């Protein structure tokens, strides 16, 4: 009986040693709570996954960012990268909303299972808002800057002289005075 047990054990050992390691077993870290994840992240935002590309080294996620909680993004269309090692996020569901906790690596936003990135359900969003506040809406574009008035000179025109500008006003004053004199004479004639 002991002999059968030893033979079974010897046959099982190579199978265990040669079996592939799953992603969960290969990743030794665990995502912290929202406060820890937010402190470790450079940028925190929520958005809908619009597309993804998975190759042998990394997964690239295209995200339509909706709300920014920490850091800055230059556009609402954000690209996030995750390694394809044991701690990578793997395949996500397109058109689902996620909260991304990312670090900046050069020009790339990086995330993995340890960063805290998760589905953007009500509970996750409430936790993020308790820690980081309401965030900034990225779906409404900022109002355009008002254009500065531009003045251009028309042909070779020179500004009018003061006497030329004042002439119509002076003419009206003279006509008014003449009218008063005429009314005054007519009223004197009627009295006499």
Protein backbone atom coordinates (compact mmCIF):
# COMPACT_ATOMS: atom_id res chain seq x y z
CA UNK A 1 0.00 0.00 0.00
CA UNK A 2 2.87 2.35 0.83
CA UNK A 3 4.48 1.41 -2.46
CA UNK A 4 1.35 2.40 -4.42
CA UNK A 5 1.22 5.73 -2.59
CA UNK A 6 4.87 6.47 -3.44
CA UNK A 7 4.33 5.57 -7.10
CA UNK A 8 1.26 7.81 -7.29
CA UNK A 9 3.21 10.63 -5.65
CA UNK A 10 6.13 10.26 -8.09
CA UNK A 11 3.77 10.29 -11.05
CA UNK A 12 1.94 13.40 -9.76
CA UNK A 13 5.07 15.52 -9.06
CA UNK A 14 6.09 16.03 -12.72
CA UNK A 15 2.51 16.96 -13.58
CA UNK A 16 2.49 19.64 -10.87
CA UNK A 17 5.93 20.94 -11.88
CA UNK A 18 5.00 21.13 -15.58
CA UNK A 19 1.48 22.55 -15.24
CA UNK A 20 1.05 26.21 -16.33
CA UNK A 21 0.70 28.81 -13.60
CA UNK A 22 -2.61 30.64 -13.66
CA UNK A 23 -2.77 34.44 -13.62
CA UNK A 24 -4.22 34.50 -10.12
CA UNK A 25 -1.50 32.29 -8.73
CA UNK A 26 1.29 34.28 -10.44
CA UNK A 27 0.19 37.66 -9.05
CA UNK A 28 1.42 38.00 -5.49
CA UNK A 29 -0.03 41.45 -4.75
CA UNK A 30 -3.52 42.42 -3.73
CA UNK A 31 -5.29 45.67 -4.45
CA UNK A 32 -5.58 47.83 -1.35
CA UNK A 33 -8.62 49.77 -0.31
CA UNK A 34 -9.69 52.86 -2.26
CA UNK A 35 -7.67 55.23 -0.04
CA UNK A 36 -4.47 53.17 -0.58
CA UNK A 37 -5.10 52.76 -4.31
CA UNK A 38 -5.78 56.49 -4.72
CA UNK A 39 -2.62 57.42 -2.81
CA UNK A 40 -0.50 55.14 -5.02
CA UNK A 41 -2.09 56.30 -8.30
CA UNK A 42 -0.98 59.33 -10.31
CA UNK A 43 -4.35 59.60 -12.07
CA UNK A 44 -7.81 58.30 -11.10
CA UNK A 45 -10.73 58.52 -13.54
CA UNK A 46 -13.86 56.66 -14.54
CA UNK A 47 -14.96 55.91 -18.06
CA UNK A 48 -16.41 53.43 -20.51
CA UNK A 49 -14.16 50.91 -22.25
CA UNK A 50 -14.55 51.51 -26.00
CA UNK A 51 -11.97 49.05 -27.29
CA UNK A 52 -8.99 46.88 -26.40
CA UNK A 53 -5.98 45.31 -28.04
CA UNK A 54 -4.27 42.31 -26.48
CA UNK A 55 -0.86 41.16 -27.69
CA UNK A 56 1.71 38.86 -26.11
CA UNK A 57 3.29 41.59 -23.94
CA UNK A 58 0.52 44.00 -22.98
CA UNK A 59 -3.15 44.86 -23.15
CA UNK A 60 -4.09 48.33 -24.39
CA UNK A 61 -7.49 49.70 -23.42
CA UNK A 62 -9.22 52.63 -25.15
CA UNK A 63 -11.37 54.47 -22.63
CA UNK A 64 -13.86 57.31 -23.05
CA UNK A 65 -13.09 59.10 -19.78
CA UNK A 66 -16.14 60.57 -18.07
CA UNK A 67 -15.01 61.89 -14.68
CA UNK A 68 -11.54 62.80 -13.40
CA UNK A 69 -10.92 62.38 -9.66
CA UNK A 70 -7.15 62.84 -9.39
CA UNK A 71 -4.33 64.03 -11.65
CA UNK A 72 -4.89 65.27 -15.18
CA UNK A 73 -5.70 63.94 -18.61
CA UNK A 74 -5.23 65.93 -21.80
CA UNK A 75 -8.19 64.44 -23.65
CA UNK A 76 -11.36 62.49 -22.87
CA UNK A 77 -10.09 59.63 -25.07
CA UNK A 78 -7.56 57.89 -22.83
CA UNK A 79 -5.33 54.91 -23.54
CA UNK A 80 -4.41 52.66 -20.60
CA UNK A 81 -1.83 49.86 -20.73
CA UNK A 82 -1.67 46.72 -18.58
CA UNK A 83 1.07 44.07 -18.76
CA UNK A 84 0.14 40.58 -19.93
CA UNK A 85 1.94 38.99 -16.97
CA UNK A 86 0.18 37.36 -14.05
CA UNK A 87 -0.89 40.72 -12.59
CA UNK A 88 -2.33 42.18 -15.80
CA UNK A 89 -6.02 42.98 -16.09
CA UNK A 90 -6.48 40.70 -19.10
CA UNK A 91 -9.59 41.00 -21.25
CA UNK A 92 -12.15 43.52 -20.01
CA UNK A 93 -15.74 43.97 -21.15
CA UNK A 94 -16.18 46.58 -23.87
CA UNK A 95 -18.90 49.19 -23.20
CA UNK A 96 -18.67 48.60 -19.44
CA UNK A 97 -17.66 51.44 -17.13
CA UNK A 98 -14.55 51.12 -14.97
CA UNK A 99 -12.71 53.21 -12.38
CA UNK A 100 -9.05 53.31 -13.43
CA UNK A 101 -6.25 53.84 -10.90
CA UNK A 102 -3.20 54.43 -13.09
CA UNK A 103 0.42 55.43 -12.76
CA UNK A 104 2.21 57.51 -15.36
CA UNK A 105 5.13 55.81 -17.04
CA UNK A 106 6.52 58.33 -19.50
CA UNK A 107 3.57 59.18 -21.74
CA UNK A 108 1.66 55.97 -20.87
CA UNK A 109 -0.96 55.29 -18.23
CA UNK A 110 -0.25 51.91 -16.60
CA UNK A 111 -2.54 49.75 -14.47
CA UNK A 112 -2.77 46.16 -13.22
CA UNK A 113 -4.65 44.00 -10.71
CA UNK A 114 -2.71 45.57 -7.83
CA UNK A 115 -3.64 49.18 -8.71
CA UNK A 116 -7.29 48.94 -7.67
CA UNK A 117 -8.87 49.34 -11.14
CA UNK A 118 -12.41 47.96 -10.91
CA UNK A 119 -15.89 48.03 -12.42
CA UNK A 120 -17.60 51.39 -11.87
CA UNK A 121 -20.63 50.23 -9.96
CA UNK A 122 -22.45 52.46 -7.46
CA UNK A 123 -20.47 51.15 -4.50
CA UNK A 124 -17.07 51.69 -6.16
CA UNK A 125 -17.97 55.20 -7.33
CA UNK A 126 -19.29 56.13 -3.88
CA UNK A 127 -16.03 54.92 -2.30
CA UNK A 128 -13.91 56.91 -4.75
CA UNK A 129 -16.01 60.04 -4.21
CA UNK A 130 -15.71 59.70 -0.42
CA UNK A 131 -11.93 59.63 -0.73
CA UNK A 132 -11.30 61.99 -3.69
CA UNK A 133 -14.45 64.12 -3.95
CA UNK A 134 -16.95 64.58 -6.77
CA UNK A 135 -14.33 64.89 -9.51
CA UNK A 136 -14.38 66.88 -12.73
CA UNK A 137 -16.80 66.12 -15.56
CA UNK A 138 -14.87 65.30 -18.75
CA UNK A 139 -17.88 64.78 -21.00
CA UNK A 140 -18.76 68.49 -21.32
CA UNK A 141 -16.20 70.45 -23.29
CA UNK A 142 -15.03 73.70 -21.73
CA UNK A 143 -16.53 76.88 -23.23
CA UNK A 144 -14.49 78.27 -26.10
CA UNK A 145 -12.20 81.19 -25.42
CA UNK A 146 -13.69 84.47 -26.71
CA UNK A 147 -11.96 85.73 -29.78
CA UNK A 148 -10.08 88.98 -29.44
CA UNK A 149 -11.34 91.83 -31.60
CA UNK A 150 -9.07 92.58 -34.51
CA UNK A 151 -8.94 96.07 -35.94
CA UNK A 152 -7.69 96.63 -39.46
CA UNK A 153 -7.08 99.87 -41.27
CA UNK A 154 -9.34 100.31 -44.28
CA UNK A 155 -7.25 101.17 -47.34
CA UNK A 156 -5.28 104.33 -46.63
CA UNK A 157 -8.06 106.09 -44.77
CA UNK A 158 -7.15 108.79 -42.29
CA UNK A 159 -9.39 109.70 -39.36
CA UNK A 160 -11.73 112.65 -39.90
CA UNK A 161 -10.62 116.06 -38.57
CA UNK A 162 -12.48 117.58 -35.63
CA UNK A 163 -13.96 120.42 -37.70
CA UNK A 164 -15.36 117.96 -40.25
CA UNK A 165 -16.89 115.82 -37.48
CA UNK A 166 -18.38 118.88 -35.67
CA UNK A 167 -19.84 120.55 -38.81
CA UNK A 168 -23.19 118.66 -38.89
CA UNK A 169 -23.76 119.39 -35.19
CA UNK A 170 -22.96 123.09 -35.66
CA UNK A 171 -25.39 123.28 -38.59
CA UNK A 172 -28.18 121.83 -36.45
CA UNK A 173 -27.48 124.38 -33.70
CA UNK A 174 -27.70 127.27 -36.21
CA UNK A 175 -30.97 125.93 -37.67
CA UNK A 176 -32.38 125.60 -34.16
CA UNK A 177 -31.43 129.18 -33.25
CA UNK A 178 -32.95 130.49 -36.46
CA UNK A 179 -36.12 128.57 -35.67
CA UNK A 180 -36.28 130.14 -32.21
CA UNK A 181 -35.85 133.63 -33.67
CA UNK A 182 -38.61 133.01 -36.20
CA UNK A 183 -40.98 131.69 -33.51
CA UNK A 184 -40.13 134.70 -31.33
CA UNK A 185 -40.94 137.18 -34.15
CA UNK A 186 -44.20 135.44 -34.98
CA UNK A 187 -45.30 135.52 -31.37
CA UNK A 188 -44.49 139.27 -31.12
CA UNK A 189 -46.56 140.01 -34.23
CA UNK A 190 -49.51 138.13 -32.86
CA UNK A 191 -49.37 140.14 -29.61
CA UNK A 192 -49.36 143.45 -31.34
